[in-house]
Amino acid sequence: MDKNRNLALLGIIGAVLYAVADLFLYVGVQIESGNMISYCHVEEWRLMASMWISLFASLGLLCGFISLYQLVKRSFGEKLKFIMILPFLACGGILYCHFVLGVYNPLTYQSAIKAGLSESQIVQVLESAALYLNPLTITVVLCGYITEFIVIAGVLSGKFGLKKRFLFFMYAGYAIVYVLVILTVKVTGVTGLRGGLESLFETTFFLPAFFAWKKQE
């Protein structure tokens, strides 16, 4: 039990680290504008810092998904454990989104600028690449939502051994953090702080696993 609880804790830490890595990419950037070039001007040292932080964050996420897999296997049985294939796909997709879309695209843009290409040419290349990558991105998002549904089903069914109100406190806690970030943006005027909220939400994948294992000690 201790091992699975610790793995879940590493998953939570991994999600928080990913949120920090996102902030290196997005703080000071108008990510709400929808302009895919807006974040390509981030300094290289920030891109590298984000890449290294997310490397260790990825290890944490993988540990968290292993803990969740063990919990689903114990709670729902051998047959339903295979549904965890989809969350593991989400884990791989999170890595892809961060390293390819978050780090590699800006580095490609900056290298192309140094090589003498015009911004319009680079935008065309990145937009063309996005057309091919969009189906994969959508798949990653769907797998992530499936992970959330698995967690909700485990709690509401009582199979995780947690009270139903646990979901309320978990999501309410995240909502409070979200509101505090929005207020901070309004007060300070610092843009891009919302960039880490999506990764921070991934803590909800592993919080139920952590407390479910802890309750069984």
Protein backbone atom coordinates (compact mmCIF):
# COMPACT_ATOMS: atom_id res chain seq x y z
CA MET A 1 0.00 0.00 0.00
CA ASP A 2 2.81 2.40 0.89
CA LYS A 3 4.38 1.90 -2.54
CA ASN A 4 1.17 2.69 -4.42
CA ARG A 5 0.47 5.70 -2.19
CA ASN A 6 3.97 7.03 -2.85
CA LEU A 7 3.54 6.47 -6.58
CA ALA A 8 0.31 8.50 -6.45
CA LEU A 9 2.15 11.24 -4.55
CA LEU A 10 4.80 11.31 -7.29
CA GLY A 11 1.99 11.70 -9.82
CA ILE A 12 0.67 14.72 -7.93
CA ILE A 13 4.16 16.22 -7.76
CA GLY A 14 4.61 15.52 -11.48
CA ALA A 15 1.43 17.43 -12.34
CA VAL A 16 2.54 20.39 -10.20
CA LEU A 17 5.97 20.35 -11.87
CA TYR A 18 4.30 20.37 -15.28
CA ALA A 19 2.34 23.45 -14.20
CA VAL A 20 5.65 25.11 -13.25
CA ALA A 21 7.17 24.08 -16.59
CA ASP A 22 4.17 25.63 -18.37
CA LEU A 23 4.73 28.91 -16.55
CA PHE A 24 8.25 29.10 -17.99
CA LEU A 25 6.62 28.92 -21.43
CA TYR A 26 3.66 31.21 -20.96
CA VAL A 27 4.28 33.89 -18.30
CA GLY A 28 4.31 37.24 -20.06
CA VAL A 29 2.74 35.76 -23.20
CA GLN A 30 -0.74 36.56 -24.49
CA ILE A 31 -1.81 32.92 -24.76
CA GLU A 32 -5.48 33.92 -24.73
CA SER A 33 -5.06 35.65 -28.09
CA GLY A 34 -5.05 32.35 -29.98
CA ASN A 35 -1.98 33.46 -31.94
CA MET A 36 0.26 30.40 -32.19
CA ILE A 37 3.31 32.62 -32.76
CA SER A 38 2.77 34.64 -29.59
CA TYR A 39 4.69 32.16 -27.43
CA CYS A 40 7.44 31.47 -29.97
CA HIS A 41 9.40 34.52 -28.84
CA VAL A 42 10.09 33.10 -25.38
CA GLU A 43 13.79 33.17 -24.46
CA GLU A 44 15.72 29.97 -25.13
CA TRP A 45 16.79 29.61 -21.48
CA ARG A 46 13.12 29.49 -20.49
CA LEU A 47 12.41 26.82 -23.11
CA MET A 48 15.33 24.74 -21.85
CA ALA A 49 14.27 25.18 -18.21
CA SER A 50 10.74 24.09 -19.10
CA MET A 51 12.08 21.07 -20.98
CA TRP A 52 14.21 19.83 -18.07
CA ILE A 53 11.51 20.41 -15.47
CA SER A 54 8.97 18.55 -17.61
CA LEU A 55 11.42 15.64 -17.99
CA PHE A 56 11.21 14.92 -14.25
CA ALA A 57 7.51 15.83 -14.23
CA SER A 58 6.92 13.13 -16.86
CA LEU A 59 8.48 10.51 -14.60
CA GLY A 60 6.14 11.63 -11.82
CA LEU A 61 3.09 11.38 -14.07
CA LEU A 62 4.05 7.88 -15.15
CA CYS A 63 4.35 6.81 -11.50
CA GLY A 64 0.95 8.35 -10.80
CA PHE A 65 -0.71 6.46 -13.65
CA ILE A 66 0.85 3.20 -12.42
CA SER A 67 -0.69 3.84 -8.99
CA LEU A 68 -4.07 4.61 -10.56
CA TYR A 69 -3.82 1.45 -12.66
CA GLN A 70 -3.21 -0.65 -9.54
CA LEU A 71 -6.19 1.01 -7.84
CA VAL A 72 -8.51 0.36 -10.79
CA LYS A 73 -7.30 -3.24 -10.99
CA ARG A 74 -7.97 -3.81 -7.27
CA SER A 75 -11.31 -1.98 -7.31
CA PHE A 76 -12.90 -3.10 -10.58
CA GLY A 77 -11.17 -6.41 -11.27
CA GLU A 78 -8.88 -7.88 -13.88
CA LYS A 79 -11.17 -7.31 -16.87
CA LEU A 80 -11.76 -3.60 -16.40
CA LYS A 81 -8.10 -2.89 -15.70
CA PHE A 82 -7.53 -2.73 -19.46
CA ILE A 83 -9.49 0.53 -19.61
CA MET A 84 -6.36 2.10 -18.11
CA ILE A 85 -4.72 1.74 -21.52
CA LEU A 86 -6.43 5.01 -22.48
CA PRO A 87 -5.06 7.02 -19.52
CA PHE A 88 -1.58 5.69 -20.31
CA LEU A 89 -2.07 7.03 -23.84
CA ALA A 90 -2.97 10.35 -22.25
CA CYS A 91 0.31 10.26 -20.32
CA GLY A 92 2.24 9.84 -23.57
CA GLY A 93 0.17 12.55 -25.18
CA ILE A 94 0.93 15.01 -22.40
CA LEU A 95 4.63 14.47 -23.06
CA TYR A 96 4.05 15.00 -26.78
CA CYS A 97 2.07 18.21 -26.27
CA HIS A 98 4.64 19.75 -23.98
CA PHE A 99 7.83 18.76 -25.78
CA VAL A 100 6.57 19.16 -29.36
CA LEU A 101 4.01 21.96 -29.16
CA GLY A 102 5.42 23.73 -26.13
CA VAL A 103 9.18 23.52 -26.64
CA TYR A 104 10.06 22.23 -30.11
CA ASN A 105 7.76 24.61 -32.03
CA PRO A 106 9.25 27.79 -30.49
CA LEU A 107 12.79 26.46 -31.03
CA THR A 108 11.92 25.68 -34.66
CA TYR A 109 10.52 29.17 -35.09
CA GLN A 110 13.58 30.86 -33.60
CA SER A 111 15.99 28.70 -35.63
CA ALA A 112 14.07 29.48 -38.82
CA ILE A 113 14.21 33.21 -38.10
CA LYS A 114 17.98 33.00 -37.59
CA ALA A 115 18.25 31.09 -40.87
CA GLY A 116 16.60 33.98 -42.71
CA LEU A 117 13.06 32.72 -43.23
CA SER A 118 10.25 35.23 -43.00
CA GLU A 119 7.65 34.98 -40.26
CA SER A 120 4.88 34.38 -42.79
CA GLN A 121 6.76 31.35 -44.18
CA ILE A 122 7.28 29.91 -40.70
CA VAL A 123 3.64 30.45 -39.77
CA GLN A 124 2.59 28.58 -42.89
CA VAL A 125 4.85 25.65 -42.00
CA LEU A 126 3.63 25.49 -38.39
CA GLU A 127 -0.02 25.76 -39.43
CA SER A 128 0.43 22.97 -41.97
CA ALA A 129 2.05 20.79 -39.32
CA ALA A 130 -0.82 21.55 -36.93
CA LEU A 131 -3.33 20.15 -39.42
CA TYR A 132 -1.62 16.76 -39.21
CA LEU A 133 -1.10 16.96 -35.45
CA ASN A 134 -4.65 18.05 -34.52
CA PRO A 135 -6.13 14.50 -34.59
CA LEU A 136 -3.44 13.34 -32.17
CA THR A 137 -4.03 16.35 -29.93
CA ILE A 138 -7.78 15.66 -29.85
CA THR A 139 -7.09 12.01 -28.97
CA VAL A 140 -4.88 13.09 -26.07
CA VAL A 141 -7.61 15.39 -24.73
CA LEU A 142 -10.26 12.66 -24.98
CA CYS A 143 -8.02 10.15 -23.18
CA GLY A 144 -7.47 12.72 -20.45
CA TYR A 145 -11.22 13.15 -19.96
CA ILE A 146 -11.63 9.36 -19.85
CA THR A 147 -9.12 9.32 -16.99
CA GLU A 148 -11.28 11.83 -15.14
CA PHE A 149 -14.41 9.73 -15.74
CA ILE A 150 -12.60 6.65 -14.35
CA VAL A 151 -11.70 8.59 -11.22
CA ILE A 152 -15.25 9.92 -10.80
CA ALA A 153 -16.76 6.45 -11.33
CA GLY A 154 -14.38 4.93 -8.78
CA VAL A 155 -15.33 7.47 -6.12
CA LEU A 156 -19.09 7.61 -6.79
CA SER A 157 -19.37 3.81 -6.89
CA GLY A 158 -17.61 3.54 -3.54
CA LYS A 159 -15.07 1.12 -4.99
CA PHE A 160 -12.19 3.46 -4.15
CA GLY A 161 -13.33 3.54 -0.53
CA LEU A 162 -13.76 7.33 -0.55
CA LYS A 163 -16.82 9.40 0.37
CA LYS A 164 -18.68 11.01 -2.52
CA ARG A 165 -18.04 14.43 -1.03
CA PHE A 166 -14.34 13.88 -1.75
CA LEU A 167 -15.01 14.89 -5.37
CA PHE A 168 -16.67 18.13 -4.24
CA PHE A 169 -13.71 19.13 -2.07
CA MET A 170 -11.21 18.15 -4.78
CA TYR A 171 -12.84 20.10 -7.57
CA ALA A 172 -13.77 23.00 -5.28
CA GLY A 173 -10.11 23.24 -4.25
CA TYR A 174 -9.05 23.45 -7.87
CA ALA A 175 -11.76 26.03 -8.58
CA ILE A 176 -10.46 28.20 -5.72
CA VAL A 177 -6.92 28.02 -7.14
CA TYR A 178 -8.29 28.91 -10.58
CA VAL A 179 -10.13 31.96 -9.25
CA LEU A 180 -7.06 33.09 -7.28
CA VAL A 181 -4.92 32.91 -10.44
CA ILE A 182 -7.48 34.92 -12.41
CA LEU A 183 -7.61 37.55 -9.67
CA THR A 184 -3.79 37.68 -9.61
CA VAL A 185 -3.79 38.32 -13.35
CA LYS A 186 -6.36 41.09 -12.94
CA VAL A 187 -4.45 42.76 -10.10
CA THR A 188 -0.88 42.40 -11.37
CA GLY A 189 -1.50 42.46 -15.11
CA VAL A 190 0.93 39.53 -15.57
CA THR A 191 -0.24 37.51 -18.55
CA GLY A 192 0.16 33.79 -19.13
CA LEU A 193 -0.41 32.70 -15.53
CA ARG A 194 -3.37 30.65 -16.68
CA GLY A 195 -0.97 28.54 -18.74
CA GLY A 196 -0.18 26.26 -15.81
CA LEU A 197 -3.78 25.64 -14.76
CA GLU A 198 -4.42 22.87 -17.28
CA SER A 199 -1.45 20.85 -16.04
CA LEU A 200 -2.39 21.58 -12.43
CA PHE A 201 -5.81 20.06 -13.09
CA GLU A 202 -4.05 16.75 -13.74
CA THR A 203 -3.50 16.46 -9.98
CA THR A 204 -7.15 15.34 -9.88
CA PHE A 205 -6.07 12.13 -11.66
CA PHE A 206 -3.97 11.09 -8.70
CA LEU A 207 -5.42 12.71 -5.57
CA PRO A 208 -8.16 10.04 -5.28
CA ALA A 209 -5.55 7.29 -5.69
CA PHE A 210 -3.34 8.83 -3.00
CA PHE A 211 -6.16 9.09 -0.43
CA ALA A 212 -7.64 5.72 -1.41
CA TRP A 213 -4.32 3.96 -0.73
CA LYS A 214 -3.74 6.04 2.40
CA LYS A 215 -7.14 5.04 3.78
CA GLN A 216 -6.24 1.36 3.48
CA GLU A 217 -3.07 1.61 5.56
